[in-house]
Amino acid sequence: MFETIRLYEFKDSKKTDCYFPSEVFEDGRCDKSGLAWCFGDLMIAYAMLKYGILSQNDYYTQYSKKTVLISLNSG
């Protein structure tokens, strides 16, 4: 599931103010949101962190930490 989610990650978070879209439409369009805490970024980072801890997968643990730390510093 995380590999699919990462396909929708915005490559330039400075332009979009977030890493992940708030909505992905059937036609492939992505709706960005500057409210990263209210939409994709926080919940995706939390899910990845929990998965990384429970499965002892350091890749997802570190990836989630990066997303959260950059989100905290961008406001």
PDB file of N, CA and C in Angstrom:
ATOM      1  N   MET A   1       0.817  -1.189   0.000  1.00  0.00           N
ATOM      2  CA  MET A   1       0.000   0.000   0.000  1.00  0.00           C
ATOM      3  C   MET A   1       0.868   1.263   0.000  1.00  0.00           C
ATOM      4  N   PHE A   2       1.957   1.246   0.781  1.00  0.00           N
ATOM      5  CA  PHE A   2       2.793   2.443   0.853  1.00  0.00           C
ATOM      6  C   PHE A   2       3.486   2.752  -0.471  1.00  0.00           C
ATOM      7  N   GLU A   3       3.820   1.728  -1.225  1.00  0.00           N
ATOM      8  CA  GLU A   3       4.445   1.978  -2.534  1.00  0.00           C
ATOM      9  C   GLU A   3       3.454   2.683  -3.465  1.00  0.00           C
ATOM     10  N   THR A   4       2.187   2.324  -3.394  1.00  0.00           N
ATOM     11  CA  THR A   4       1.155   3.004  -4.195  1.00  0.00           C
ATOM     12  C   THR A   4       0.987   4.436  -3.726  1.00  0.00           C
ATOM     13  N   ILE A   5       0.923   4.644  -2.433  1.00  0.00           N
ATOM     14  CA  ILE A   5       0.793   5.998  -1.886  1.00  0.00           C
ATOM     15  C   ILE A   5       1.968   6.859  -2.319  1.00  0.00           C
ATOM     16  N   ARG A   6       3.172   6.294  -2.268  1.00  0.00           N
ATOM     17  CA  ARG A   6       4.364   7.071  -2.638  1.00  0.00           C
ATOM     18  C   ARG A   6       4.379   7.458  -4.117  1.00  0.00           C
ATOM     19  N   LEU A   7       3.644   6.744  -4.968  1.00  0.00           N
ATOM     20  CA  LEU A   7       3.554   7.132  -6.376  1.00  0.00           C
ATOM     21  C   LEU A   7       2.905   8.503  -6.540  1.00  0.00           C
ATOM     22  N   TYR A   8       2.080   8.898  -5.580  1.00  0.00           N
ATOM     23  CA  TYR A   8       1.381  10.178  -5.638  1.00  0.00           C
ATOM     24  C   TYR A   8       2.088  11.283  -4.873  1.00  0.00           C
ATOM     25  N   GLU A   9       3.247  10.983  -4.324  1.00  0.00           N
ATOM     26  CA  GLU A   9       3.991  11.997  -3.578  1.00  0.00           C
ATOM     27  C   GLU A   9       4.409  13.128  -4.517  1.00  0.00           C
ATOM     28  N   PHE A  10       4.203  14.351  -4.073  1.00  0.00           N
ATOM     29  CA  PHE A  10       4.650  15.505  -4.857  1.00  0.00           C
ATOM     30  C   PHE A  10       6.167  15.558  -4.803  1.00  0.00           C
ATOM     31  N   LYS A  11       6.791  15.721  -5.945  1.00  0.00           N
ATOM     32  CA  LYS A  11       8.254  15.708  -6.013  1.00  0.00           C
ATOM     33  C   LYS A  11       8.862  16.994  -5.462  1.00  0.00           C
ATOM     34  N   ASP A  12       8.122  18.101  -5.533  1.00  0.00           N
ATOM     35  CA  ASP A  12       8.628  19.378  -5.042  1.00  0.00           C
ATOM     36  C   ASP A  12       7.677  19.907  -3.976  1.00  0.00           C
ATOM     37  N   SER A  13       7.894  19.498  -2.737  1.00  0.00           N
ATOM     38  CA  SER A  13       6.989  19.887  -1.664  1.00  0.00           C
ATOM     39  C   SER A  13       7.028  21.392  -1.382  1.00  0.00           C
ATOM     40  N   LYS A  14       8.086  22.077  -1.791  1.00  0.00           N
ATOM     41  CA  LYS A  14       8.140  23.523  -1.591  1.00  0.00           C
ATOM     42  C   LYS A  14       7.095  24.237  -2.450  1.00  0.00           C
ATOM     43  N   LYS A  15       6.793  23.700  -3.625  1.00  0.00           N
ATOM     44  CA  LYS A  15       5.769  24.292  -4.495  1.00  0.00           C
ATOM     45  C   LYS A  15       4.359  23.987  -4.011  1.00  0.00           C
ATOM     46  N   THR A  16       4.172  22.806  -3.448  1.00  0.00           N
ATOM     47  CA  THR A  16       2.829  22.366  -3.081  1.00  0.00           C
ATOM     48  C   THR A  16       2.518  22.559  -1.601  1.00  0.00           C
ATOM     49  N   ASP A  17       3.517  22.875  -0.773  1.00  0.00           N
ATOM     50  CA  ASP A  17       3.371  23.026   0.674  1.00  0.00           C
ATOM     51  C   ASP A  17       2.995  21.737   1.386  1.00  0.00           C
ATOM     52  N   CYS A  18       3.079  20.617   0.714  1.00  0.00           N
ATOM     53  CA  CYS A  18       2.779  19.330   1.342  1.00  0.00           C
ATOM     54  C   CYS A  18       3.427  18.239   0.510  1.00  0.00           C
ATOM     55  N   TYR A  19       3.511  17.055   1.068  1.00  0.00           N
ATOM     56  CA  TYR A  19       4.106  15.921   0.362  1.00  0.00           C
ATOM     57  C   TYR A  19       3.085  15.099  -0.409  1.00  0.00           C
ATOM     58  N   PHE A  20       1.894  14.987   0.160  1.00  0.00           N
ATOM     59  CA  PHE A  20       0.899  14.100  -0.427  1.00  0.00           C
ATOM     60  C   PHE A  20      -0.394  14.864  -0.699  1.00  0.00           C
ATOM     61  N   PRO A  21      -1.104  14.504  -1.765  1.00  0.00           N
ATOM     62  CA  PRO A  21      -2.354  15.200  -2.095  1.00  0.00           C
ATOM     63  C   PRO A  21      -3.449  14.894  -1.079  1.00  0.00           C
ATOM     64  N   SER A  22      -4.406  15.815  -0.990  1.00  0.00           N
ATOM     65  CA  SER A  22      -5.553  15.574  -0.114  1.00  0.00           C
ATOM     66  C   SER A  22      -6.556  14.660  -0.788  1.00  0.00           C
ATOM     67  N   GLU A  23      -6.518  14.607  -2.116  1.00  0.00           N
ATOM     68  CA  GLU A  23      -7.438  13.744  -2.858  1.00  0.00           C
ATOM     69  C   GLU A  23      -6.825  13.377  -4.205  1.00  0.00           C
ATOM     70  N   VAL A  24      -7.043  12.141  -4.636  1.00  0.00           N
ATOM     71  CA  VAL A  24      -6.621  11.679  -5.954  1.00  0.00           C
ATOM     72  C   VAL A  24      -7.888  11.231  -6.682  1.00  0.00           C
ATOM     73  N   PHE A  25      -8.133  11.811  -7.833  1.00  0.00           N
ATOM     74  CA  PHE A  25      -9.349  11.527  -8.596  1.00  0.00           C
ATOM     75  C   PHE A  25      -9.145  10.345  -9.538  1.00  0.00           C
ATOM     76  N   GLU A  26     -10.238   9.779 -10.009  1.00  0.00           N
ATOM     77  CA  GLU A  26     -10.171   8.614 -10.901  1.00  0.00           C
ATOM     78  C   GLU A  26      -9.392   8.898 -12.178  1.00  0.00           C
ATOM     79  N   ASP A  27      -9.437  10.152 -12.649  1.00  0.00           N
ATOM     80  CA  ASP A  27      -8.724  10.487 -13.874  1.00  0.00           C
ATOM     81  C   ASP A  27      -7.239  10.779 -13.634  1.00  0.00           C
ATOM     82  N   GLY A  28      -6.787  10.622 -12.373  1.00  0.00           N
ATOM     83  CA  GLY A  28      -5.374  10.802 -12.064  1.00  0.00           C
ATOM     84  C   GLY A  28      -5.007  12.172 -11.537  1.00  0.00           C
ATOM     85  N   ARG A  29      -5.943  13.120 -11.588  1.00  0.00           N
ATOM     86  CA  ARG A  29      -5.644  14.455 -11.044  1.00  0.00           C
ATOM     87  C   ARG A  29      -5.450  14.360  -9.536  1.00  0.00           C
ATOM     88  N   CYS A  30      -4.577  15.208  -9.022  1.00  0.00           N
ATOM     89  CA  CYS A  30      -4.316  15.255  -7.587  1.00  0.00           C
ATOM     90  C   CYS A  30      -4.644  16.649  -7.071  1.00  0.00           C
ATOM     91  N   ASP A  31      -5.369  16.706  -5.974  1.00  0.00           N
ATOM     92  CA  ASP A  31      -5.721  17.970  -5.342  1.00  0.00           C
ATOM     93  C   ASP A  31      -4.724  18.238  -4.229  1.00  0.00           C
ATOM     94  N   LYS A  32      -3.938  19.289  -4.378  1.00  0.00           N
ATOM     95  CA  LYS A  32      -2.958  19.600  -3.342  1.00  0.00           C
ATOM     96  C   LYS A  32      -3.620  20.417  -2.246  1.00  0.00           C
ATOM     97  N   SER A  33      -3.000  20.422  -1.095  1.00  0.00           N
ATOM     98  CA  SER A  33      -3.513  21.206   0.014  1.00  0.00           C
ATOM     99  C   SER A  33      -2.348  21.731   0.813  1.00  0.00           C
ATOM    100  N   GLY A  34      -2.423  22.995   1.182  1.00  0.00           N
ATOM    101  CA  GLY A  34      -1.408  23.580   2.050  1.00  0.00           C
ATOM    102  C   GLY A  34      -1.615  23.195   3.500  1.00  0.00           C
ATOM    103  N   LEU A  35      -2.734  22.537   3.785  1.00  0.00           N
ATOM    104  CA  LEU A  35      -3.042  22.119   5.148  1.00  0.00           C
ATOM    105  C   LEU A  35      -2.537  20.702   5.373  1.00  0.00           C
ATOM    106  N   ALA A  36      -1.236  20.553   5.382  1.00  0.00           N
ATOM    107  CA  ALA A  36      -0.638  19.217   5.456  1.00  0.00           C
ATOM    108  C   ALA A  36      -1.086  18.454   6.691  1.00  0.00           C
ATOM    109  N   TRP A  37      -1.298  19.141   7.791  1.00  0.00           N
ATOM    110  CA  TRP A  37      -1.692  18.457   9.019  1.00  0.00           C
ATOM    111  C   TRP A  37      -3.137  17.975   8.956  1.00  0.00           C
ATOM    112  N   CYS A  38      -3.941  18.613   8.139  1.00  0.00           N
ATOM    113  CA  CYS A  38      -5.355  18.230   8.076  1.00  0.00           C
ATOM    114  C   CYS A  38      -5.624  17.159   7.025  1.00  0.00           C
ATOM    115  N   PHE A  39      -4.747  17.003   6.077  1.00  0.00           N
ATOM    116  CA  PHE A  39      -4.998  16.060   4.992  1.00  0.00           C
ATOM    117  C   PHE A  39      -3.978  14.933   5.003  1.00  0.00           C
ATOM    118  N   GLY A  40      -3.193  14.781   3.954  1.00  0.00           N
ATOM    119  CA  GLY A  40      -2.393  13.582   3.774  1.00  0.00           C
ATOM    120  C   GLY A  40      -1.151  13.405   4.622  1.00  0.00           C
ATOM    121  N   ASP A  41      -0.363  14.430   4.786  1.00  0.00           N
ATOM    122  CA  ASP A  41       0.989  14.249   5.318  1.00  0.00           C
ATOM    123  C   ASP A  41       1.042  13.618   6.710  1.00  0.00           C
ATOM    124  N   LEU A  42       0.306  14.141   7.653  1.00  0.00           N
ATOM    125  CA  LEU A  42       0.404  13.635   9.019  1.00  0.00           C
ATOM    126  C   LEU A  42      -0.082  12.196   9.127  1.00  0.00           C
ATOM    127  N   MET A  43      -1.213  11.887   8.561  1.00  0.00           N
ATOM    128  CA  MET A  43      -1.763  10.538   8.690  1.00  0.00           C
ATOM    129  C   MET A  43      -0.922   9.502   7.949  1.00  0.00           C
ATOM    130  N   ILE A  44      -0.411   9.882   6.790  1.00  0.00           N
ATOM    131  CA  ILE A  44       0.452   8.957   6.043  1.00  0.00           C
ATOM    132  C   ILE A  44       1.756   8.735   6.810  1.00  0.00           C
ATOM    133  N   ALA A  45       2.337   9.814   7.324  1.00  0.00           N
ATOM    134  CA  ALA A  45       3.575   9.678   8.094  1.00  0.00           C
ATOM    135  C   ALA A  45       3.342   8.833   9.344  1.00  0.00           C
ATOM    136  N   TYR A  46       2.216   9.030  10.016  1.00  0.00           N
ATOM    137  CA  TYR A  46       1.918   8.243  11.218  1.00  0.00           C
ATOM    138  C   TYR A  46       1.746   6.761  10.872  1.00  0.00           C
ATOM    139  N   ALA A  47       1.006   6.481   9.821  1.00  0.00           N
ATOM    140  CA  ALA A  47       0.804   5.080   9.420  1.00  0.00           C
ATOM    141  C   ALA A  47       2.134   4.425   9.054  1.00  0.00           C
ATOM    142  N   MET A  48       2.990   5.155   8.335  1.00  0.00           N
ATOM    143  CA  MET A  48       4.292   4.605   7.972  1.00  0.00           C
ATOM    144  C   MET A  48       5.167   4.392   9.197  1.00  0.00           C
ATOM    145  N   LEU A  49       5.105   5.313  10.151  1.00  0.00           N
ATOM    146  CA  LEU A  49       5.894   5.173  11.368  1.00  0.00           C
ATOM    147  C   LEU A  49       5.460   3.936  12.145  1.00  0.00           C
ATOM    148  N   LYS A  50       4.149   3.778  12.342  1.00  0.00           N
ATOM    149  CA  LYS A  50       3.647   2.614  13.078  1.00  0.00           C
ATOM    150  C   LYS A  50       4.007   1.313  12.360  1.00  0.00           C
ATOM    151  N   TYR A  51       3.851   1.299  11.039  1.00  0.00           N
ATOM    152  CA  TYR A  51       4.213   0.108  10.278  1.00  0.00           C
ATOM    153  C   TYR A  51       5.710  -0.187  10.414  1.00  0.00           C
ATOM    154  N   GLY A  52       6.526   0.837  10.290  1.00  0.00           N
ATOM    155  CA  GLY A  52       7.971   0.656  10.402  1.00  0.00           C
ATOM    156  C   GLY A  52       8.383   0.099  11.748  1.00  0.00           C
ATOM    157  N   ILE A  53       7.751   0.603  12.815  1.00  0.00           N
ATOM    158  CA  ILE A  53       8.064   0.117  14.160  1.00  0.00           C
ATOM    159  C   ILE A  53       7.597  -1.325  14.330  1.00  0.00           C
ATOM    160  N   LEU A  54       6.349  -1.603  13.971  1.00  0.00           N
ATOM    161  CA  LEU A  54       5.789  -2.937  14.185  1.00  0.00           C
ATOM    162  C   LEU A  54       6.474  -4.013  13.349  1.00  0.00           C
ATOM    163  N   SER A  55       6.861  -3.654  12.120  1.00  0.00           N
ATOM    164  CA  SER A  55       7.497  -4.641  11.237  1.00  0.00           C
ATOM    165  C   SER A  55       9.023  -4.578  11.305  1.00  0.00           C
ATOM    166  N   GLN A  56       9.539  -3.677  12.143  1.00  0.00           N
ATOM    167  CA  GLN A  56      10.980  -3.457  12.263  1.00  0.00           C
ATOM    168  C   GLN A  56      11.611  -3.130  10.913  1.00  0.00           C
ATOM    169  N   ASN A  57      10.900  -2.276  10.153  1.00  0.00           N
ATOM    170  CA  ASN A  57      11.351  -1.855   8.834  1.00  0.00           C
ATOM    171  C   ASN A  57      11.860  -0.417   8.954  1.00  0.00           C
ATOM    172  N   ASP A  58      13.164  -0.263   9.074  1.00  0.00           N
ATOM    173  CA  ASP A  58      13.766   1.054   9.307  1.00  0.00           C
ATOM    174  C   ASP A  58      13.524   2.030   8.157  1.00  0.00           C
ATOM    175  N   TYR A  59      13.370   1.532   6.946  1.00  0.00           N
ATOM    176  CA  TYR A  59      13.133   2.420   5.798  1.00  0.00           C
ATOM    177  C   TYR A  59      11.889   3.273   6.034  1.00  0.00           C
ATOM    178  N   TYR A  60      10.775   2.632   6.412  1.00  0.00           N
ATOM    179  CA  TYR A  60       9.531   3.377   6.610  1.00  0.00           C
ATOM    180  C   TYR A  60       9.571   4.230   7.876  1.00  0.00           C
ATOM    181  N   THR A  61      10.276   3.779   8.886  1.00  0.00           N
ATOM    182  CA  THR A  61      10.422   4.582  10.100  1.00  0.00           C
ATOM    183  C   THR A  61      11.147   5.883   9.773  1.00  0.00           C
ATOM    184  N   GLN A  62      12.256   5.793   9.060  1.00  0.00           N
ATOM    185  CA  GLN A  62      13.030   6.984   8.709  1.00  0.00           C
ATOM    186  C   GLN A  62      12.289   7.878   7.712  1.00  0.00           C
ATOM    187  N   TYR A  63      11.626   7.280   6.745  1.00  0.00           N
ATOM    188  CA  TYR A  63      10.869   8.044   5.743  1.00  0.00           C
ATOM    189  C   TYR A  63       9.771   8.860   6.426  1.00  0.00           C
ATOM    190  N   SER A  64       9.077   8.257   7.383  1.00  0.00           N
ATOM    191  CA  SER A  64       8.000   8.965   8.081  1.00  0.00           C
ATOM    192  C   SER A  64       8.564  10.100   8.930  1.00  0.00           C
ATOM    193  N   LYS A  65       9.683   9.882   9.584  1.00  0.00           N
ATOM    194  CA  LYS A  65      10.292  10.926  10.406  1.00  0.00           C
ATOM    195  C   LYS A  65      10.680  12.128   9.556  1.00  0.00           C
ATOM    196  N   LYS A  66      11.219  11.867   8.369  1.00  0.00           N
ATOM    197  CA  LYS A  66      11.597  12.959   7.465  1.00  0.00           C
ATOM    198  C   LYS A  66      10.374  13.798   7.094  1.00  0.00           C
ATOM    199  N   THR A  67       9.275  13.142   6.765  1.00  0.00           N
ATOM    200  CA  THR A  67       8.051  13.843   6.377  1.00  0.00           C
ATOM    201  C   THR A  67       7.541  14.710   7.520  1.00  0.00           C
ATOM    202  N   VAL A  68       7.507  14.158   8.717  1.00  0.00           N
ATOM    203  CA  VAL A  68       7.017  14.923   9.878  1.00  0.00           C
ATOM    204  C   VAL A  68       7.931  16.089  10.205  1.00  0.00           C
ATOM    205  N   LEU A  69       9.238  15.860  10.247  1.00  0.00           N
ATOM    206  CA  LEU A  69      10.171  16.937  10.611  1.00  0.00           C
ATOM    207  C   LEU A  69      10.120  18.081   9.613  1.00  0.00           C
ATOM    208  N   ILE A  70      10.079  17.782   8.341  1.00  0.00           N
ATOM    209  CA  ILE A  70      10.023  18.847   7.344  1.00  0.00           C
ATOM    210  C   ILE A  70       8.689  19.574   7.410  1.00  0.00           C
ATOM    211  N   SER A  71       7.604  18.848   7.678  1.00  0.00           N
ATOM    212  CA  SER A  71       6.286  19.479   7.826  1.00  0.00           C
ATOM    213  C   SER A  71       6.269  20.418   9.020  1.00  0.00           C
ATOM    214  N   LEU A  72       6.894  20.018  10.122  1.00  0.00           N
ATOM    215  CA  LEU A  72       6.956  20.867  11.314  1.00  0.00           C
ATOM    216  C   LEU A  72       7.739  22.159  11.055  1.00  0.00           C
ATOM    217  N   ASN A  73       8.787  22.066  10.268  1.00  0.00           N
ATOM    218  CA  ASN A  73       9.649  23.214  10.014  1.00  0.00           C
ATOM    219  C   ASN A  73       9.161  24.103   8.887  1.00  0.00           C
ATOM    220  N   SER A  74       8.162  23.663   8.116  1.00  0.00           N
ATOM    221  CA  SER A  74       7.726  24.450   6.963  1.00  0.00           C
ATOM    222  C   SER A  74       6.673  25.489   7.321  1.00  0.00           C
ATOM    223  N   GLY A  75       6.097  25.405   8.510  1.00  0.00           N
ATOM    224  CA  GLY A  75       5.034  26.326   8.900  1.00  0.00           C
ATOM    225  C   GLY A  75       5.573  27.558   9.428  1.00  0.00           C
TER     226      GLY A  75
END
